[in-house]
Amino acid sequence: MNSRDRFIKTMKYEHADRPPLFEDGIREEVLKLWHNQGLGKKTSLEALFSFDPREEIETILDPSPIPSHWPKTITGLINLSSRLDPEDPKRLPDDWGKKVNEWKTRDYPLILRIHRGYFLSMGVHGWRRFTDAIQLLVDEPRFVETWMNTCSEFSARLAEKILREVDVDAALFSEPIGGNHGPLISPKMYSTFVLESYKPILEVLHRFDTPTIIYRTYANTRALLPSVVKAGFNCLWACECNPHAMDYGEIRREFGRDLRLIGGIDADSLRQSQPDIHKAVMDVVPALLEDGGFVPLADGRVREDVCYENYVYYRRLLESVTC
């Protein structure tokens, strides 16, 4: 069974030889450290462990060119909207035609990234703009509504253009909107200004029978999940979160098979001891594997403070539990 088959069957709660075993990519600086900790310099991780490849279609969703100063009026937003052209070929990956042909015979899951969430849509790349984006929700709700709707209409048209040419296995919305103690805006505001704006994109995805719609979020967004599921998302990928705040066992008990799950393994455990890694895996993975609709994965990137010995233990344990 190939990687694409595993992903499709897992997302359908059907039997697969095992779930997909993803990896978020090990950076060069990590590999350099590991070469001094036992990893052979000519040995690839793919030769040592079971990995399932995947590819994400990375679209360019920023206004082009990016404004040096964000507008403060509705009229300014209307002018800015002219920089969101879904027909601009630069919004697609290089060698688009070649990739489209290659994807027709792929044996790995293909995921379309189609929205970056509230804060990035509002141009937040630093603290000052972050406070602006929060304050606008209270002081200028029509401004926020206008721009979020504009971004989503653009993303919907771009998705439509892509899906006419490519049969994807999932679509992905990235939503970096969580803090340590909960979402950075209230569930009511999130539903009103963000989820409501996503409707045109979700309509396109449903029209093209996109089977899995992934909500990839960060930190603690637990309070948003009821409205997220109600809006039409059917897969959660929680990253860099407190495992108690985003407890996958509790989330599965609440939402059942309406919400597939990717992740769930506390990445912080990889920085600790092997018993800690064992606990982080075994507390989550076996029960969810039995239930189905689950892709086990550490909930954050492997960084320089994870030693090679711990990484080997983690991958071997994951293989033994899933195979």
C-alpha atoms as a PDB file:
ATOM      1  CA  MET A   1       0.000   0.000   0.000  1.00  0.00           C
ATOM      2  CA  ASN A   2       1.425   3.397  -0.935  1.00  0.00           C
ATOM      3  CA  SER A   3       1.393   6.611   1.085  1.00  0.00           C
ATOM      4  CA  ARG A   4      -1.569   8.118  -0.739  1.00  0.00           C
ATOM      5  CA  ASP A   5      -3.680   5.006  -0.202  1.00  0.00           C
ATOM      6  CA  ARG A   6      -2.812   5.018   3.497  1.00  0.00           C
ATOM      7  CA  PHE A   7      -3.834   8.639   3.894  1.00  0.00           C
ATOM      8  CA  ILE A   8      -7.104   8.263   1.973  1.00  0.00           C
ATOM      9  CA  LYS A   9      -8.132   5.103   3.812  1.00  0.00           C
ATOM     10  CA  THR A  10      -7.170   6.531   7.201  1.00  0.00           C
ATOM     11  CA  MET A  11      -9.232   9.668   6.580  1.00  0.00           C
ATOM     12  CA  LYS A  12     -12.182   7.460   5.590  1.00  0.00           C
ATOM     13  CA  TYR A  13     -11.845   5.301   8.736  1.00  0.00           C
ATOM     14  CA  GLU A  14     -11.107   2.340   6.473  1.00  0.00           C
ATOM     15  CA  HIS A  15      -8.522  -0.379   7.037  1.00  0.00           C
ATOM     16  CA  ALA A  16      -4.952   0.386   5.961  1.00  0.00           C
ATOM     17  CA  ASP A  17      -1.787  -1.630   6.516  1.00  0.00           C
ATOM     18  CA  ARG A  18      -0.799   1.187   8.895  1.00  0.00           C
ATOM     19  CA  PRO A  19      -1.486   4.912   9.265  1.00  0.00           C
ATOM     20  CA  PRO A  20       0.711   7.395   7.388  1.00  0.00           C
ATOM     21  CA  LEU A  21       3.935   8.176   9.240  1.00  0.00           C
ATOM     22  CA  PHE A  22       4.683  11.796   8.396  1.00  0.00           C
ATOM     23  CA  GLU A  23       7.632  13.963   9.332  1.00  0.00           C
ATOM     24  CA  ASP A  24       7.689  17.759   9.232  1.00  0.00           C
ATOM     25  CA  GLY A  25      11.213  17.844   7.846  1.00  0.00           C
ATOM     26  CA  ILE A  26      14.477  17.796   9.757  1.00  0.00           C
ATOM     27  CA  ARG A  27      16.497  20.950   9.195  1.00  0.00           C
ATOM     28  CA  GLU A  28      20.144  20.894   8.152  1.00  0.00           C
ATOM     29  CA  GLU A  29      21.351  22.383  11.436  1.00  0.00           C
ATOM     30  CA  VAL A  30      19.720  19.482  13.307  1.00  0.00           C
ATOM     31  CA  LEU A  31      21.278  16.889  10.999  1.00  0.00           C
ATOM     32  CA  LYS A  32      24.725  18.450  11.484  1.00  0.00           C
ATOM     33  CA  LEU A  33      24.415  17.975  15.235  1.00  0.00           C
ATOM     34  CA  TRP A  34      23.167  14.422  14.795  1.00  0.00           C
ATOM     35  CA  HIS A  35      26.183  13.552  12.635  1.00  0.00           C
ATOM     36  CA  ASN A  36      28.212  14.016  15.824  1.00  0.00           C
ATOM     37  CA  GLN A  37      25.739  11.910  17.814  1.00  0.00           C
ATOM     38  CA  GLY A  38      25.680   8.706  15.772  1.00  0.00           C
ATOM     39  CA  LEU A  39      23.958   9.461  12.456  1.00  0.00           C
ATOM     40  CA  GLY A  40      26.249   8.521   9.584  1.00  0.00           C
ATOM     41  CA  LYS A  41      27.122  11.452   7.351  1.00  0.00           C
ATOM     42  CA  LYS A  42      26.086   9.526   4.257  1.00  0.00           C
ATOM     43  CA  THR A  43      23.032   7.932   5.854  1.00  0.00           C
ATOM     44  CA  SER A  44      19.596   9.382   5.134  1.00  0.00           C
ATOM     45  CA  LEU A  45      16.825   9.197   7.697  1.00  0.00           C
ATOM     46  CA  GLU A  46      14.593   7.712   5.002  1.00  0.00           C
ATOM     47  CA  ALA A  47      16.903   4.689   4.894  1.00  0.00           C
ATOM     48  CA  LEU A  48      16.514   4.148   8.638  1.00  0.00           C
ATOM     49  CA  PHE A  49      12.836   4.789   9.323  1.00  0.00           C
ATOM     50  CA  SER A  50       9.426   4.402   7.718  1.00  0.00           C
ATOM     51  CA  PHE A  51       8.358   7.766   6.314  1.00  0.00           C
ATOM     52  CA  ASP A  52       5.308   8.574   4.234  1.00  0.00           C
ATOM     53  CA  PRO A  53       5.957  11.512   1.907  1.00  0.00           C
ATOM     54  CA  ARG A  54       3.359  14.182   1.327  1.00  0.00           C
ATOM     55  CA  GLU A  55       3.307  17.406  -0.636  1.00  0.00           C
ATOM     56  CA  GLU A  56       1.574  20.685   0.115  1.00  0.00           C
ATOM     57  CA  ILE A  57       0.711  23.032  -2.741  1.00  0.00           C
ATOM     58  CA  GLU A  58       2.061  26.346  -1.486  1.00  0.00           C
ATOM     59  CA  THR A  59       0.050  29.183  -2.993  1.00  0.00           C
ATOM     60  CA  ILE A  60       0.967  32.867  -2.660  1.00  0.00           C
ATOM     61  CA  LEU A  61      -1.887  34.446  -0.696  1.00  0.00           C
ATOM     62  CA  ASP A  62      -0.431  37.870   0.163  1.00  0.00           C
ATOM     63  CA  PRO A  63      -1.466  40.992  -1.763  1.00  0.00           C
ATOM     64  CA  SER A  64       1.061  41.517  -4.549  1.00  0.00           C
ATOM     65  CA  PRO A  65       2.933  43.724  -4.103  1.00  0.00           C
ATOM     66  CA  ILE A  66       2.678  43.648  -0.300  1.00  0.00           C
ATOM     67  CA  PRO A  67       1.660  47.105   0.987  1.00  0.00           C
ATOM     68  CA  SER A  68       4.246  49.058   2.957  1.00  0.00           C
ATOM     69  CA  HIS A  69       1.405  50.562   5.016  1.00  0.00           C
ATOM     70  CA  TRP A  70      -1.972  48.938   5.556  1.00  0.00           C
ATOM     71  CA  PRO A  71      -5.020  51.041   4.644  1.00  0.00           C
ATOM     72  CA  LYS A  72      -7.245  52.410   7.370  1.00  0.00           C
ATOM     73  CA  THR A  73     -10.445  52.932   5.369  1.00  0.00           C
ATOM     74  CA  ILE A  74     -12.874  50.770   3.400  1.00  0.00           C
ATOM     75  CA  THR A  75     -11.902  52.681   0.261  1.00  0.00           C
ATOM     76  CA  GLY A  76      -8.277  51.801   0.913  1.00  0.00           C
ATOM     77  CA  LEU A  77      -9.221  48.130   1.225  1.00  0.00           C
ATOM     78  CA  ILE A  78     -11.045  48.243  -2.089  1.00  0.00           C
ATOM     79  CA  ASN A  79      -7.890  49.585  -3.712  1.00  0.00           C
ATOM     80  CA  LEU A  80      -5.803  46.916  -1.972  1.00  0.00           C
ATOM     81  CA  SER A  81      -8.096  44.178  -3.263  1.00  0.00           C
ATOM     82  CA  SER A  82      -6.792  44.843  -6.783  1.00  0.00           C
ATOM     83  CA  ARG A  83      -3.539  43.241  -5.589  1.00  0.00           C
ATOM     84  CA  LEU A  84      -5.325  39.921  -5.034  1.00  0.00           C
ATOM     85  CA  ASP A  85      -5.576  38.474  -8.528  1.00  0.00           C
ATOM     86  CA  PRO A  86      -6.362  34.734  -8.578  1.00  0.00           C
ATOM     87  CA  GLU A  87      -5.413  34.590 -12.265  1.00  0.00           C
ATOM     88  CA  ASP A  88      -1.845  35.726 -11.593  1.00  0.00           C
ATOM     89  CA  PRO A  89       0.350  32.698 -12.460  1.00  0.00           C
ATOM     90  CA  LYS A  90       2.935  33.819  -9.881  1.00  0.00           C
ATOM     91  CA  ARG A  91       0.520  32.692  -7.168  1.00  0.00           C
ATOM     92  CA  LEU A  92       1.110  29.083  -8.184  1.00  0.00           C
ATOM     93  CA  PRO A  93       4.311  27.059  -7.679  1.00  0.00           C
ATOM     94  CA  ASP A  94       6.998  27.257 -10.345  1.00  0.00           C
ATOM     95  CA  ASP A  95       6.722  24.763 -13.232  1.00  0.00           C
ATOM     96  CA  TRP A  96       2.985  24.521 -12.610  1.00  0.00           C
ATOM     97  CA  GLY A  97       2.152  22.630 -15.808  1.00  0.00           C
ATOM     98  CA  LYS A  98       4.889  20.081 -15.158  1.00  0.00           C
ATOM     99  CA  LYS A  99       3.727  19.569 -11.575  1.00  0.00           C
ATOM    100  CA  VAL A 100       0.111  19.086 -12.651  1.00  0.00           C
ATOM    101  CA  ASN A 101       1.205  16.253 -14.949  1.00  0.00           C
ATOM    102  CA  GLU A 102       3.408  14.682 -12.272  1.00  0.00           C
ATOM    103  CA  TRP A 103       0.608  14.757  -9.713  1.00  0.00           C
ATOM    104  CA  LYS A 104      -1.641  12.664 -11.960  1.00  0.00           C
ATOM    105  CA  THR A 105       0.418   9.566 -11.165  1.00  0.00           C
ATOM    106  CA  ARG A 106       1.492  10.404  -7.604  1.00  0.00           C
ATOM    107  CA  ASP A 107       1.573   7.800  -4.854  1.00  0.00           C
ATOM    108  CA  TYR A 108       1.580  10.278  -1.925  1.00  0.00           C
ATOM    109  CA  PRO A 109      -1.086  12.622  -0.493  1.00  0.00           C
ATOM    110  CA  LEU A 110      -1.349  16.091  -2.015  1.00  0.00           C
ATOM    111  CA  ILE A 111      -2.651  18.900   0.198  1.00  0.00           C
ATOM    112  CA  LEU A 112      -3.746  22.348  -0.982  1.00  0.00           C
ATOM    113  CA  ARG A 113      -2.876  25.244   1.336  1.00  0.00           C
ATOM    114  CA  ILE A 114      -5.674  27.730   0.738  1.00  0.00           C
ATOM    115  CA  HIS A 115      -5.931  30.133   3.704  1.00  0.00           C
ATOM    116  CA  ARG A 116      -3.552  31.534   6.335  1.00  0.00           C
ATOM    117  CA  GLY A 117      -6.060  32.516   9.007  1.00  0.00           C
ATOM    118  CA  TYR A 118      -7.113  35.794  10.557  1.00  0.00           C
ATOM    119  CA  PHE A 119      -3.863  37.391  11.682  1.00  0.00           C
ATOM    120  CA  LEU A 120      -1.773  36.761   8.574  1.00  0.00           C
ATOM    121  CA  SER A 121      -4.680  37.857   6.379  1.00  0.00           C
ATOM    122  CA  MET A 122      -4.718  41.111   8.348  1.00  0.00           C
ATOM    123  CA  GLY A 123      -1.020  41.642   7.651  1.00  0.00           C
ATOM    124  CA  VAL A 124       0.276  40.706  11.089  1.00  0.00           C
ATOM    125  CA  HIS A 125       4.016  40.082  10.951  1.00  0.00           C
ATOM    126  CA  GLY A 126       4.960  41.931  14.130  1.00  0.00           C
ATOM    127  CA  TRP A 127       3.665  43.098  17.493  1.00  0.00           C
ATOM    128  CA  ARG A 128       2.402  46.516  16.374  1.00  0.00           C
ATOM    129  CA  ARG A 129       0.197  45.152  13.615  1.00  0.00           C
ATOM    130  CA  PHE A 130      -1.012  42.431  15.987  1.00  0.00           C
ATOM    131  CA  THR A 131      -2.450  45.016  18.369  1.00  0.00           C
ATOM    132  CA  ASP A 132      -4.022  46.814  15.392  1.00  0.00           C
ATOM    133  CA  ALA A 133      -5.693  43.589  14.244  1.00  0.00           C
ATOM    134  CA  ILE A 134      -7.137  43.006  17.724  1.00  0.00           C
ATOM    135  CA  GLN A 135      -8.354  46.584  18.145  1.00  0.00           C
ATOM    136  CA  LEU A 136      -9.989  46.665  14.713  1.00  0.00           C
ATOM    137  CA  LEU A 137     -12.328  43.841  15.743  1.00  0.00           C
ATOM    138  CA  VAL A 138     -13.822  46.176  18.342  1.00  0.00           C
ATOM    139  CA  ASP A 139     -13.450  49.613  16.755  1.00  0.00           C
ATOM    140  CA  GLU A 140     -13.888  48.849  13.040  1.00  0.00           C
ATOM    141  CA  PRO A 141     -15.800  45.576  12.636  1.00  0.00           C
ATOM    142  CA  ARG A 142     -16.991  46.484   9.130  1.00  0.00           C
ATOM    143  CA  PHE A 143     -13.377  47.053   8.067  1.00  0.00           C
ATOM    144  CA  VAL A 144     -12.421  43.569   9.315  1.00  0.00           C
ATOM    145  CA  GLU A 145     -15.464  41.948   7.744  1.00  0.00           C
ATOM    146  CA  THR A 146     -14.782  43.622   4.386  1.00  0.00           C
ATOM    147  CA  TRP A 147     -11.168  42.514   4.225  1.00  0.00           C
ATOM    148  CA  MET A 148     -11.728  38.958   5.477  1.00  0.00           C
ATOM    149  CA  ASN A 149     -14.491  38.508   2.903  1.00  0.00           C
ATOM    150  CA  THR A 150     -12.211  39.908   0.197  1.00  0.00           C
ATOM    151  CA  CYS A 151      -9.406  37.500   1.127  1.00  0.00           C
ATOM    152  CA  SER A 152     -11.749  34.535   1.194  1.00  0.00           C
ATOM    153  CA  GLU A 153     -13.365  35.351  -2.151  1.00  0.00           C
ATOM    154  CA  PHE A 154      -9.865  35.547  -3.610  1.00  0.00           C
ATOM    155  CA  SER A 155      -8.881  32.208  -2.026  1.00  0.00           C
ATOM    156  CA  ALA A 156     -12.101  30.616  -3.269  1.00  0.00           C
ATOM    157  CA  ARG A 157     -11.408  31.691  -6.860  1.00  0.00           C
ATOM    158  CA  LEU A 158      -7.807  30.519  -6.588  1.00  0.00           C
ATOM    159  CA  ALA A 159      -8.944  27.160  -5.188  1.00  0.00           C
ATOM    160  CA  GLU A 160     -11.432  26.802  -8.031  1.00  0.00           C
ATOM    161  CA  LYS A 161      -8.698  27.488 -10.583  1.00  0.00           C
ATOM    162  CA  ILE A 162      -6.413  24.871  -9.022  1.00  0.00           C
ATOM    163  CA  LEU A 163      -9.070  22.215  -8.477  1.00  0.00           C
ATOM    164  CA  ARG A 164     -10.077  22.336 -12.121  1.00  0.00           C
ATOM    165  CA  GLU A 165      -6.607  20.986 -12.884  1.00  0.00           C
ATOM    166  CA  VAL A 166      -5.618  18.973  -9.823  1.00  0.00           C
ATOM    167  CA  ASP A 167      -7.372  16.303  -7.773  1.00  0.00           C
ATOM    168  CA  VAL A 168      -6.116  16.980  -4.239  1.00  0.00           C
ATOM    169  CA  ASP A 169      -6.502  14.685  -1.244  1.00  0.00           C
ATOM    170  CA  ALA A 170      -7.052  17.467   1.289  1.00  0.00           C
ATOM    171  CA  ALA A 171      -7.235  21.230   1.689  1.00  0.00           C
ATOM    172  CA  LEU A 172      -5.558  23.021   4.560  1.00  0.00           C
ATOM    173  CA  PHE A 173      -6.381  26.211   6.452  1.00  0.00           C
ATOM    174  CA  SER A 174      -3.581  27.450   8.714  1.00  0.00           C
ATOM    175  CA  GLU A 175      -4.888  29.300  11.782  1.00  0.00           C
ATOM    176  CA  PRO A 176      -2.189  30.644  14.144  1.00  0.00           C
ATOM    177  CA  ILE A 177      -4.702  32.198  16.520  1.00  0.00           C
ATOM    178  CA  GLY A 178      -4.085  30.404  19.819  1.00  0.00           C
ATOM    179  CA  GLY A 179      -2.309  31.515  22.979  1.00  0.00           C
ATOM    180  CA  ASN A 180      -1.163  29.462  25.940  1.00  0.00           C
ATOM    181  CA  HIS A 181      -4.480  29.888  27.736  1.00  0.00           C
ATOM    182  CA  GLY A 182      -6.909  29.968  24.824  1.00  0.00           C
ATOM    183  CA  PRO A 183      -7.664  31.653  21.502  1.00  0.00           C
ATOM    184  CA  LEU A 184      -6.509  35.249  21.096  1.00  0.00           C
ATOM    185  CA  ILE A 185      -9.995  36.372  20.077  1.00  0.00           C
ATOM    186  CA  SER A 186     -13.306  35.198  21.498  1.00  0.00           C
ATOM    187  CA  PRO A 187     -15.152  32.239  19.965  1.00  0.00           C
ATOM    188  CA  LYS A 188     -18.050  34.558  19.081  1.00  0.00           C
ATOM    189  CA  MET A 189     -15.798  37.039  17.253  1.00  0.00           C
ATOM    190  CA  TYR A 190     -13.973  34.191  15.551  1.00  0.00           C
ATOM    191  CA  SER A 191     -17.213  32.707  14.317  1.00  0.00           C
ATOM    192  CA  THR A 192     -18.562  36.068  13.129  1.00  0.00           C
ATOM    193  CA  PHE A 193     -15.506  37.492  11.399  1.00  0.00           C
ATOM    194  CA  VAL A 194     -13.427  34.476  10.408  1.00  0.00           C
ATOM    195  CA  LEU A 195     -15.495  31.327   9.993  1.00  0.00           C
ATOM    196  CA  GLU A 196     -18.298  33.259   8.308  1.00  0.00           C
ATOM    197  CA  SER A 197     -15.800  34.590   5.768  1.00  0.00           C
ATOM    198  CA  TYR A 198     -14.587  31.052   4.959  1.00  0.00           C
ATOM    199  CA  LYS A 199     -17.934  30.019   3.464  1.00  0.00           C
ATOM    200  CA  PRO A 200     -17.031  30.739  -0.199  1.00  0.00           C
ATOM    201  CA  ILE A 201     -13.857  28.643   0.086  1.00  0.00           C
ATOM    202  CA  LEU A 202     -15.634  25.764   1.794  1.00  0.00           C
ATOM    203  CA  GLU A 203     -18.353  25.868  -0.867  1.00  0.00           C
ATOM    204  CA  VAL A 204     -15.744  25.470  -3.611  1.00  0.00           C
ATOM    205  CA  LEU A 205     -14.005  22.635  -1.765  1.00  0.00           C
ATOM    206  CA  HIS A 206     -17.283  20.783  -1.304  1.00  0.00           C
ATOM    207  CA  ARG A 207     -18.247  21.361  -4.936  1.00  0.00           C
ATOM    208  CA  PHE A 208     -15.014  19.716  -6.051  1.00  0.00           C
ATOM    209  CA  ASP A 209     -15.490  16.863  -3.560  1.00  0.00           C
ATOM    210  CA  THR A 210     -12.375  17.642  -1.536  1.00  0.00           C
ATOM    211  CA  PRO A 211     -12.682  14.855   1.041  1.00  0.00           C
ATOM    212  CA  THR A 212     -10.562  16.168   3.909  1.00  0.00           C
ATOM    213  CA  ILE A 213     -10.557  19.791   5.095  1.00  0.00           C
ATOM    214  CA  ILE A 214      -7.773  20.309   7.618  1.00  0.00           C
ATOM    215  CA  TYR A 215      -7.738  22.943  10.336  1.00  0.00           C
ATOM    216  CA  ARG A 216      -4.065  23.335  11.246  1.00  0.00           C
ATOM    217  CA  THR A 217      -3.840  25.392  14.378  1.00  0.00           C
ATOM    218  CA  TYR A 218      -1.268  26.379  16.973  1.00  0.00           C
ATOM    219  CA  ALA A 219      -1.257  26.528  20.796  1.00  0.00           C
ATOM    220  CA  ASN A 220      -4.630  26.381  22.587  1.00  0.00           C
ATOM    221  CA  THR A 221      -7.666  26.789  20.321  1.00  0.00           C
ATOM    222  CA  ARG A 222      -9.847  24.268  22.151  1.00  0.00           C
ATOM    223  CA  ALA A 223     -12.712  26.740  22.670  1.00  0.00           C
ATOM    224  CA  LEU A 224     -13.015  27.310  18.907  1.00  0.00           C
ATOM    225  CA  LEU A 225     -13.439  23.675  17.905  1.00  0.00           C
ATOM    226  CA  PRO A 226     -17.246  23.373  18.208  1.00  0.00           C
ATOM    227  CA  SER A 227     -17.786  26.227  15.753  1.00  0.00           C
ATOM    228  CA  VAL A 228     -14.938  25.008  13.527  1.00  0.00           C
ATOM    229  CA  VAL A 229     -16.507  21.562  13.166  1.00  0.00           C
ATOM    230  CA  LYS A 230     -19.935  23.092  12.642  1.00  0.00           C
ATOM    231  CA  ALA A 231     -18.490  25.258   9.841  1.00  0.00           C
ATOM    232  CA  GLY A 232     -17.441  22.162   7.897  1.00  0.00           C
ATOM    233  CA  PHE A 233     -13.873  21.279   8.895  1.00  0.00           C
ATOM    234  CA  ASN A 234     -13.416  17.547   9.382  1.00  0.00           C
ATOM    235  CA  CYS A 235      -9.757  17.209  10.393  1.00  0.00           C
ATOM    236  CA  LEU A 236      -7.717  18.838  13.174  1.00  0.00           C
ATOM    237  CA  TRP A 237      -3.945  19.240  13.101  1.00  0.00           C
ATOM    238  CA  ALA A 238      -2.941  20.931  16.358  1.00  0.00           C
ATOM    239  CA  CYS A 239       0.682  22.107  16.534  1.00  0.00           C
ATOM    240  CA  GLU A 240       2.953  23.373  19.304  1.00  0.00           C
ATOM    241  CA  CYS A 241       0.290  23.017  21.955  1.00  0.00           C
ATOM    242  CA  ASN A 242      -0.031  22.016  25.575  1.00  0.00           C
ATOM    243  CA  PRO A 243      -1.141  18.369  25.340  1.00  0.00           C
ATOM    244  CA  HIS A 244      -3.551  18.844  28.238  1.00  0.00           C
ATOM    245  CA  ALA A 245      -5.222  21.858  26.615  1.00  0.00           C
ATOM    246  CA  MET A 246      -5.574  20.077  23.264  1.00  0.00           C
ATOM    247  CA  ASP A 247      -6.046  16.541  24.566  1.00  0.00           C
ATOM    248  CA  TYR A 248      -6.738  14.399  21.498  1.00  0.00           C
ATOM    249  CA  GLY A 249      -8.465  11.706  23.532  1.00  0.00           C
ATOM    250  CA  GLU A 250     -10.951  14.216  24.933  1.00  0.00           C
ATOM    251  CA  ILE A 251     -11.396  15.851  21.527  1.00  0.00           C
ATOM    252  CA  ARG A 252     -12.202  12.479  19.944  1.00  0.00           C
ATOM    253  CA  ARG A 253     -14.692  11.688  22.688  1.00  0.00           C
ATOM    254  CA  GLU A 254     -16.448  15.026  22.124  1.00  0.00           C
ATOM    255  CA  PHE A 255     -16.514  15.114  18.318  1.00  0.00           C
ATOM    256  CA  GLY A 256     -16.305  11.434  17.452  1.00  0.00           C
ATOM    257  CA  ARG A 257     -15.720  10.560  13.828  1.00  0.00           C
ATOM    258  CA  ASP A 258     -16.723  14.021  12.660  1.00  0.00           C
ATOM    259  CA  LEU A 259     -13.149  15.148  13.324  1.00  0.00           C
ATOM    260  CA  ARG A 260     -10.136  13.262  12.034  1.00  0.00           C
ATOM    261  CA  LEU A 261      -6.879  13.955  13.865  1.00  0.00           C
ATOM    262  CA  ILE A 262      -3.258  14.555  12.820  1.00  0.00           C
ATOM    263  CA  GLY A 263      -0.534  15.000  15.445  1.00  0.00           C
ATOM    264  CA  GLY A 264      -1.265  14.443  19.119  1.00  0.00           C
ATOM    265  CA  ILE A 265       2.242  13.525  20.343  1.00  0.00           C
ATOM    266  CA  ASP A 266       3.809  16.113  22.634  1.00  0.00           C
ATOM    267  CA  ALA A 267       6.968  17.296  20.827  1.00  0.00           C
ATOM    268  CA  ASP A 268       8.404  18.548  24.124  1.00  0.00           C
ATOM    269  CA  SER A 269       8.751  14.937  25.245  1.00  0.00           C
ATOM    270  CA  LEU A 270      11.456  14.411  22.597  1.00  0.00           C
ATOM    271  CA  ARG A 271      13.641  16.885  24.509  1.00  0.00           C
ATOM    272  CA  GLN A 272      13.235  14.898  27.713  1.00  0.00           C
ATOM    273  CA  SER A 273      13.888  11.262  28.617  1.00  0.00           C
ATOM    274  CA  GLN A 274      12.953   8.103  26.762  1.00  0.00           C
ATOM    275  CA  PRO A 275      10.377   7.194  29.440  1.00  0.00           C
ATOM    276  CA  ASP A 276       8.800  10.604  28.791  1.00  0.00           C
ATOM    277  CA  ILE A 277       8.683   9.852  25.058  1.00  0.00           C
ATOM    278  CA  HIS A 278       7.175   6.432  25.748  1.00  0.00           C
ATOM    279  CA  LYS A 279       4.451   7.980  27.897  1.00  0.00           C
ATOM    280  CA  ALA A 280       3.674  10.725  25.356  1.00  0.00           C
ATOM    281  CA  VAL A 281       3.221   8.145  22.595  1.00  0.00           C
ATOM    282  CA  MET A 282       1.437   5.421  24.529  1.00  0.00           C
ATOM    283  CA  ASP A 283      -0.987   7.776  26.291  1.00  0.00           C
ATOM    284  CA  VAL A 284      -2.370   8.903  22.936  1.00  0.00           C
ATOM    285  CA  VAL A 285      -1.563   6.674  19.991  1.00  0.00           C
ATOM    286  CA  PRO A 286      -2.903   3.135  20.672  1.00  0.00           C
ATOM    287  CA  ALA A 287      -6.469   4.154  21.565  1.00  0.00           C
ATOM    288  CA  LEU A 288      -6.797   6.568  18.653  1.00  0.00           C
ATOM    289  CA  LEU A 289      -5.312   4.057  16.211  1.00  0.00           C
ATOM    290  CA  GLU A 290      -7.929   1.543  17.252  1.00  0.00           C
ATOM    291  CA  ASP A 291     -10.649   4.126  16.660  1.00  0.00           C
ATOM    292  CA  GLY A 292      -9.258   5.181  13.252  1.00  0.00           C
ATOM    293  CA  GLY A 293      -9.083   8.503  11.446  1.00  0.00           C
ATOM    294  CA  PHE A 294      -5.774   9.325  13.121  1.00  0.00           C
ATOM    295  CA  VAL A 295      -2.279  10.144  11.834  1.00  0.00           C
ATOM    296  CA  PRO A 296       0.200  10.056  14.764  1.00  0.00           C
ATOM    297  CA  LEU A 297       2.870  12.749  14.650  1.00  0.00           C
ATOM    298  CA  ALA A 298       4.829  14.974  17.014  1.00  0.00           C
ATOM    299  CA  ASP A 299       2.997  18.290  17.354  1.00  0.00           C
ATOM    300  CA  GLY A 300       6.018  20.434  16.475  1.00  0.00           C
ATOM    301  CA  ARG A 301       9.209  20.467  14.450  1.00  0.00           C
ATOM    302  CA  VAL A 302      12.209  18.517  15.702  1.00  0.00           C
ATOM    303  CA  ARG A 303      14.789  21.140  16.682  1.00  0.00           C
ATOM    304  CA  GLU A 304      18.439  21.240  17.760  1.00  0.00           C
ATOM    305  CA  ASP A 305      17.652  20.448  21.393  1.00  0.00           C
ATOM    306  CA  VAL A 306      16.374  16.968  20.465  1.00  0.00           C
ATOM    307  CA  CYS A 307      19.260  14.494  20.582  1.00  0.00           C
ATOM    308  CA  TYR A 308      19.614  11.831  17.912  1.00  0.00           C
ATOM    309  CA  GLU A 309      19.211   8.977  20.403  1.00  0.00           C
ATOM    310  CA  ASN A 310      15.816  10.320  21.483  1.00  0.00           C
ATOM    311  CA  TYR A 311      14.681  10.801  17.896  1.00  0.00           C
ATOM    312  CA  VAL A 312      15.628   7.201  17.044  1.00  0.00           C
ATOM    313  CA  TYR A 313      13.701   5.979  20.079  1.00  0.00           C
ATOM    314  CA  TYR A 314      10.641   8.035  19.077  1.00  0.00           C
ATOM    315  CA  ARG A 315      10.577   6.782  15.471  1.00  0.00           C
ATOM    316  CA  ARG A 316      11.197   3.165  16.434  1.00  0.00           C
ATOM    317  CA  LEU A 317       8.462   3.298  19.063  1.00  0.00           C
ATOM    318  CA  LEU A 318       6.047   4.865  16.592  1.00  0.00           C
ATOM    319  CA  GLU A 319       6.824   2.153  14.046  1.00  0.00           C
ATOM    320  CA  SER A 320       6.337  -0.627  16.590  1.00  0.00           C
ATOM    321  CA  VAL A 321       2.978   0.753  17.740  1.00  0.00           C
ATOM    322  CA  THR A 322       1.579   1.386  14.259  1.00  0.00           C
ATOM    323  CA  CYS A 323       2.842  -1.599  12.257  1.00  0.00           C
END
